[in-house]
């Protein structure tokens, strides 16, 4: 049976440093308030949010427990996407891989 989406402990705020911005209605999503290379490559808030959500999905896939227990749909919902189609499109745009391809590649490099 498919597992329901579960919230995992979130520690990204520590990774981003002192300047973080909480995204309303997404209690587990945080963004850097000022992107590192903003002057070189300005991006819209929506683009930054999408990239942040995809990076968080990568963390789920890179974690051995969530990679083996959560469905792609559950990860999609956990990071704030409303549909698997939108998630897959955004994921491929950011990483160059589909979520399934990324999951398989991550599993190859997990400790046994």
N, C-alpha and C. Protein backbone atom coordinates (compact mmCIF):
# COMPACT_ATOMS: atom_id res chain seq x y z
N UNK A 1 0.83 -1.19 0.00
CA UNK A 1 0.00 0.00 0.00
C UNK A 1 0.87 1.24 0.00
N UNK A 2 0.34 2.31 -0.59
CA UNK A 2 1.08 3.56 -0.64
C UNK A 2 1.04 4.24 0.72
N UNK A 3 2.17 4.79 1.10
CA UNK A 3 2.24 5.49 2.38
C UNK A 3 1.70 6.91 2.24
N UNK A 4 1.10 7.39 3.27
CA UNK A 4 0.65 8.78 3.30
C UNK A 4 1.88 9.68 3.39
N UNK A 5 1.74 10.90 2.90
CA UNK A 5 2.83 11.87 3.01
C UNK A 5 3.12 12.11 4.48
N UNK A 6 4.38 12.12 4.81
CA UNK A 6 4.80 12.35 6.18
C UNK A 6 5.75 13.53 6.22
N UNK A 7 5.70 14.32 7.27
CA UNK A 7 6.63 15.42 7.45
C UNK A 7 7.86 14.89 8.18
N UNK A 8 9.01 15.11 7.60
CA UNK A 8 10.25 14.72 8.24
C UNK A 8 10.84 15.93 8.96
N UNK A 9 11.68 15.74 9.96
CA UNK A 9 12.31 16.88 10.62
C UNK A 9 13.03 17.75 9.60
N UNK A 10 12.88 19.04 9.71
CA UNK A 10 13.41 19.97 8.73
C UNK A 10 14.56 20.77 9.32
N UNK A 11 15.70 20.74 8.67
CA UNK A 11 16.88 21.42 9.20
C UNK A 11 17.49 22.40 8.22
N UNK A 12 16.82 22.71 7.14
CA UNK A 12 17.40 23.56 6.12
C UNK A 12 17.68 24.97 6.61
N UNK A 13 16.92 25.47 7.57
CA UNK A 13 17.16 26.82 8.06
C UNK A 13 18.60 26.96 8.55
N UNK A 14 19.15 25.93 9.16
CA UNK A 14 20.54 25.96 9.59
C UNK A 14 21.48 26.06 8.40
N UNK A 15 21.16 25.41 7.31
CA UNK A 15 22.02 25.39 6.13
C UNK A 15 22.05 26.74 5.42
N UNK A 16 20.96 27.49 5.53
CA UNK A 16 20.85 28.74 4.79
C UNK A 16 21.52 29.91 5.50
N UNK A 17 21.85 29.78 6.76
CA UNK A 17 22.47 30.88 7.49
C UNK A 17 21.44 31.77 8.14
N UNK A 18 21.84 32.98 8.53
CA UNK A 18 20.96 33.83 9.32
C UNK A 18 19.79 34.42 8.57
N UNK A 19 19.89 34.62 7.26
CA UNK A 19 18.83 35.28 6.52
C UNK A 19 17.92 34.25 5.87
N UNK A 20 16.81 33.95 6.51
CA UNK A 20 15.85 33.00 5.93
C UNK A 20 14.47 33.61 5.92
N UNK A 21 13.64 33.12 5.04
CA UNK A 21 12.27 33.62 4.90
C UNK A 21 11.33 32.43 4.94
N UNK A 22 10.37 32.47 5.82
CA UNK A 22 9.39 31.40 5.91
C UNK A 22 8.35 31.58 4.83
N UNK A 23 8.01 30.51 4.13
CA UNK A 23 7.00 30.56 3.09
C UNK A 23 5.65 30.22 3.72
N UNK A 24 4.70 31.15 3.68
CA UNK A 24 3.39 30.90 4.29
C UNK A 24 2.71 29.65 3.71
N UNK A 25 1.96 28.97 4.54
CA UNK A 25 1.19 27.78 4.17
C UNK A 25 2.07 26.58 3.83
N UNK A 26 3.37 26.71 3.99
CA UNK A 26 4.30 25.60 3.79
C UNK A 26 5.23 25.60 5.01
N UNK A 27 4.78 25.04 6.13
CA UNK A 27 5.55 25.15 7.36
C UNK A 27 6.94 24.55 7.30
N UNK A 28 7.21 23.68 6.33
CA UNK A 28 8.52 23.06 6.25
C UNK A 28 9.39 23.63 5.15
N UNK A 29 8.98 24.72 4.51
CA UNK A 29 9.75 25.28 3.41
C UNK A 29 10.29 26.64 3.81
N UNK A 30 11.57 26.82 3.64
CA UNK A 30 12.24 28.08 3.92
C UNK A 30 13.09 28.46 2.71
N UNK A 31 13.23 29.75 2.47
CA UNK A 31 14.07 30.22 1.38
C UNK A 31 15.07 31.22 1.90
N UNK A 32 16.22 31.29 1.28
CA UNK A 32 17.16 32.36 1.62
C UNK A 32 16.50 33.68 1.22
N UNK A 33 16.57 34.68 2.09
CA UNK A 33 15.91 35.95 1.77
C UNK A 33 16.64 36.69 0.66
N UNK A 34 17.93 36.40 0.47
CA UNK A 34 18.67 37.00 -0.63
C UNK A 34 19.48 35.91 -1.32
N UNK A 35 19.13 35.56 -2.53
CA UNK A 35 19.88 34.52 -3.23
C UNK A 35 21.35 34.92 -3.38
N UNK A 36 22.23 33.94 -3.38
CA UNK A 36 23.67 34.21 -3.40
C UNK A 36 24.12 35.01 -4.61
N UNK A 37 23.70 34.63 -5.80
CA UNK A 37 24.16 35.30 -7.02
C UNK A 37 23.04 36.11 -7.66
N UNK A 38 22.30 36.84 -6.86
CA UNK A 38 21.13 37.55 -7.38
C UNK A 38 21.51 38.55 -8.45
N UNK A 39 22.61 39.29 -8.26
CA UNK A 39 23.00 40.31 -9.24
C UNK A 39 23.38 39.66 -10.57
N UNK A 40 24.00 38.50 -10.51
CA UNK A 40 24.45 37.83 -11.73
C UNK A 40 23.30 37.16 -12.47
N UNK A 41 22.34 36.63 -11.74
CA UNK A 41 21.25 35.89 -12.38
C UNK A 41 19.95 36.12 -11.61
N UNK A 42 19.30 37.27 -11.81
CA UNK A 42 18.06 37.52 -11.08
C UNK A 42 16.98 36.50 -11.43
N UNK A 43 16.27 36.05 -10.41
CA UNK A 43 15.20 35.08 -10.61
C UNK A 43 13.96 35.57 -9.89
N UNK A 44 12.83 35.14 -10.37
CA UNK A 44 11.56 35.49 -9.72
C UNK A 44 11.41 34.70 -8.43
N UNK A 45 10.53 35.17 -7.58
CA UNK A 45 10.26 34.45 -6.34
C UNK A 45 9.75 33.05 -6.65
N UNK A 46 8.89 32.93 -7.66
CA UNK A 46 8.34 31.63 -8.03
C UNK A 46 9.45 30.67 -8.46
N UNK A 47 10.43 31.16 -9.24
CA UNK A 47 11.54 30.31 -9.68
C UNK A 47 12.38 29.87 -8.49
N UNK A 48 12.63 30.80 -7.56
CA UNK A 48 13.41 30.45 -6.36
C UNK A 48 12.67 29.43 -5.51
N UNK A 49 11.36 29.61 -5.37
CA UNK A 49 10.56 28.68 -4.60
C UNK A 49 10.57 27.29 -5.23
N UNK A 50 10.43 27.23 -6.54
CA UNK A 50 10.45 25.95 -7.25
C UNK A 50 11.79 25.26 -7.05
N UNK A 51 12.88 25.99 -7.21
CA UNK A 51 14.20 25.40 -7.02
C UNK A 51 14.37 24.90 -5.59
N UNK A 52 13.88 25.67 -4.64
CA UNK A 52 13.99 25.28 -3.23
C UNK A 52 13.21 24.01 -2.95
N UNK A 53 12.02 23.91 -3.52
CA UNK A 53 11.20 22.71 -3.34
C UNK A 53 11.86 21.49 -3.98
N UNK A 54 12.45 21.67 -5.14
CA UNK A 54 13.14 20.56 -5.80
C UNK A 54 14.35 20.14 -4.99
N UNK A 55 15.11 21.10 -4.45
CA UNK A 55 16.26 20.73 -3.60
C UNK A 55 15.80 19.95 -2.37
N UNK A 56 14.68 20.34 -1.80
CA UNK A 56 14.15 19.61 -0.64
C UNK A 56 13.72 18.20 -1.06
N UNK A 57 13.13 18.06 -2.24
CA UNK A 57 12.77 16.73 -2.73
C UNK A 57 14.02 15.87 -2.91
N UNK A 58 15.10 16.46 -3.38
CA UNK A 58 16.36 15.72 -3.52
C UNK A 58 16.83 15.21 -2.17
N UNK A 59 16.62 15.98 -1.12
CA UNK A 59 17.00 15.52 0.22
C UNK A 59 16.20 14.29 0.63
N UNK A 60 14.93 14.28 0.29
CA UNK A 60 14.12 13.08 0.57
C UNK A 60 14.67 11.88 -0.19
N UNK A 61 14.99 12.07 -1.47
CA UNK A 61 15.51 10.96 -2.28
C UNK A 61 16.88 10.51 -1.80
N UNK A 62 17.69 11.45 -1.28
CA UNK A 62 19.04 11.12 -0.81
C UNK A 62 19.03 10.45 0.56
N UNK A 63 17.92 10.55 1.27
CA UNK A 63 17.81 9.92 2.59
C UNK A 63 17.37 8.47 2.41
N UNK A 64 18.16 7.50 2.94
CA UNK A 64 17.81 6.09 2.72
C UNK A 64 16.43 5.70 3.23
N UNK A 65 15.99 6.25 4.35
CA UNK A 65 14.70 5.89 4.92
C UNK A 65 13.56 6.41 4.05
N UNK A 66 13.57 7.72 3.75
CA UNK A 66 12.46 8.27 2.96
C UNK A 66 12.50 7.78 1.52
N UNK A 67 13.69 7.51 0.98
CA UNK A 67 13.78 7.01 -0.39
C UNK A 67 13.10 5.65 -0.52
N UNK A 68 13.24 4.82 0.52
CA UNK A 68 12.65 3.48 0.42
C UNK A 68 11.22 3.40 0.93
N UNK A 69 10.75 4.40 1.68
CA UNK A 69 9.41 4.28 2.26
C UNK A 69 8.38 5.25 1.66
N UNK A 70 8.81 6.40 1.19
CA UNK A 70 7.86 7.38 0.66
C UNK A 70 7.69 7.23 -0.85
N UNK A 71 6.48 7.37 -1.32
CA UNK A 71 6.24 7.37 -2.75
C UNK A 71 6.66 8.71 -3.33
N UNK A 72 6.82 8.76 -4.64
CA UNK A 72 7.13 10.04 -5.29
C UNK A 72 6.00 11.03 -5.04
N UNK A 73 4.76 10.55 -5.04
CA UNK A 73 3.62 11.41 -4.78
C UNK A 73 3.69 12.01 -3.37
N UNK A 74 4.10 11.21 -2.40
CA UNK A 74 4.22 11.70 -1.02
C UNK A 74 5.30 12.77 -0.92
N UNK A 75 6.42 12.54 -1.58
CA UNK A 75 7.50 13.54 -1.57
C UNK A 75 7.04 14.80 -2.27
N UNK A 76 6.35 14.65 -3.38
CA UNK A 76 5.79 15.77 -4.13
C UNK A 76 4.92 16.64 -3.22
N UNK A 77 4.03 16.03 -2.48
CA UNK A 77 3.14 16.76 -1.58
C UNK A 77 3.91 17.37 -0.41
N UNK A 78 4.88 16.65 0.12
CA UNK A 78 5.66 17.15 1.25
C UNK A 78 6.41 18.43 0.93
N UNK A 79 6.87 18.57 -0.29
CA UNK A 79 7.65 19.75 -0.64
C UNK A 79 6.80 20.88 -1.21
N UNK A 80 5.50 20.66 -1.34
CA UNK A 80 4.60 21.76 -1.70
C UNK A 80 4.03 21.78 -3.09
N UNK A 81 4.26 20.74 -3.88
CA UNK A 81 3.63 20.68 -5.20
C UNK A 81 2.24 20.07 -5.05
N UNK A 82 1.33 20.50 -5.89
CA UNK A 82 -0.05 19.99 -5.82
C UNK A 82 -0.30 18.84 -6.78
N UNK A 83 0.56 18.67 -7.78
CA UNK A 83 0.36 17.55 -8.70
C UNK A 83 1.71 16.92 -9.06
N UNK A 84 1.66 15.63 -9.34
CA UNK A 84 2.89 14.93 -9.72
C UNK A 84 3.40 15.44 -11.05
N UNK A 85 2.52 15.82 -11.95
CA UNK A 85 2.94 16.33 -13.26
C UNK A 85 3.74 17.61 -13.12
N UNK A 86 3.24 18.55 -12.32
CA UNK A 86 3.97 19.81 -12.10
C UNK A 86 5.30 19.54 -11.41
N UNK A 87 5.28 18.61 -10.45
CA UNK A 87 6.50 18.24 -9.74
C UNK A 87 7.53 17.65 -10.69
N UNK A 88 7.12 16.71 -11.51
CA UNK A 88 8.04 16.05 -12.45
C UNK A 88 8.63 17.05 -13.44
N UNK A 89 7.81 17.95 -13.93
CA UNK A 89 8.28 18.96 -14.88
C UNK A 89 9.30 19.89 -14.22
N UNK A 90 8.98 20.39 -13.03
CA UNK A 90 9.89 21.28 -12.32
C UNK A 90 11.17 20.55 -11.94
N UNK A 91 11.04 19.32 -11.48
CA UNK A 91 12.21 18.53 -11.06
C UNK A 91 13.17 18.33 -12.23
N UNK A 92 12.63 17.96 -13.38
CA UNK A 92 13.48 17.74 -14.56
C UNK A 92 14.11 19.05 -15.02
N UNK A 93 13.37 20.14 -14.94
CA UNK A 93 13.89 21.44 -15.34
C UNK A 93 15.08 21.85 -14.46
N UNK A 94 15.00 21.57 -13.17
CA UNK A 94 16.05 21.97 -12.23
C UNK A 94 17.23 21.00 -12.24
N UNK A 95 16.95 19.69 -12.24
CA UNK A 95 18.03 18.70 -12.08
C UNK A 95 18.49 18.05 -13.39
N UNK A 96 17.65 18.09 -14.41
CA UNK A 96 17.97 17.40 -15.65
C UNK A 96 17.55 15.93 -15.65
N UNK A 97 16.97 15.48 -14.53
CA UNK A 97 16.50 14.10 -14.39
C UNK A 97 15.05 14.10 -13.95
N UNK A 98 14.34 13.03 -14.26
CA UNK A 98 13.00 12.88 -13.71
C UNK A 98 13.14 12.46 -12.25
N UNK A 99 12.09 12.61 -11.44
CA UNK A 99 12.18 12.14 -10.05
C UNK A 99 12.53 10.65 -9.96
N UNK A 100 11.99 9.83 -10.84
CA UNK A 100 12.29 8.39 -10.83
C UNK A 100 13.76 8.13 -11.14
N UNK A 101 14.30 8.83 -12.14
CA UNK A 101 15.71 8.67 -12.49
C UNK A 101 16.61 9.10 -11.33
N UNK A 102 16.25 10.22 -10.70
CA UNK A 102 17.05 10.71 -9.57
C UNK A 102 17.00 9.71 -8.41
N UNK A 103 15.80 9.19 -8.14
CA UNK A 103 15.65 8.21 -7.05
C UNK A 103 16.52 6.97 -7.31
N UNK A 104 16.50 6.45 -8.53
CA UNK A 104 17.31 5.28 -8.87
C UNK A 104 18.80 5.57 -8.74
N UNK A 105 19.23 6.75 -9.20
CA UNK A 105 20.63 7.12 -9.09
C UNK A 105 21.04 7.26 -7.63
N UNK A 106 20.18 7.84 -6.80
CA UNK A 106 20.47 8.02 -5.38
C UNK A 106 20.61 6.66 -4.70
N UNK A 107 19.76 5.72 -5.07
CA UNK A 107 19.82 4.37 -4.47
C UNK A 107 21.13 3.66 -4.77
N UNK A 108 21.71 3.92 -5.95
CA UNK A 108 22.98 3.28 -6.32
C UNK A 108 24.11 3.68 -5.36
N UNK A 109 24.05 4.90 -4.84
CA UNK A 109 25.14 5.43 -4.02
C UNK A 109 24.87 5.37 -2.54
N UNK A 110 23.76 4.76 -2.13
CA UNK A 110 23.45 4.64 -0.71
C UNK A 110 24.26 3.52 -0.09
N UNK A 111 24.70 3.73 1.16
CA UNK A 111 25.42 2.65 1.83
C UNK A 111 24.51 1.43 2.00
N UNK A 112 25.10 0.24 1.86
CA UNK A 112 24.28 -0.98 1.97
C UNK A 112 24.16 -1.46 3.39
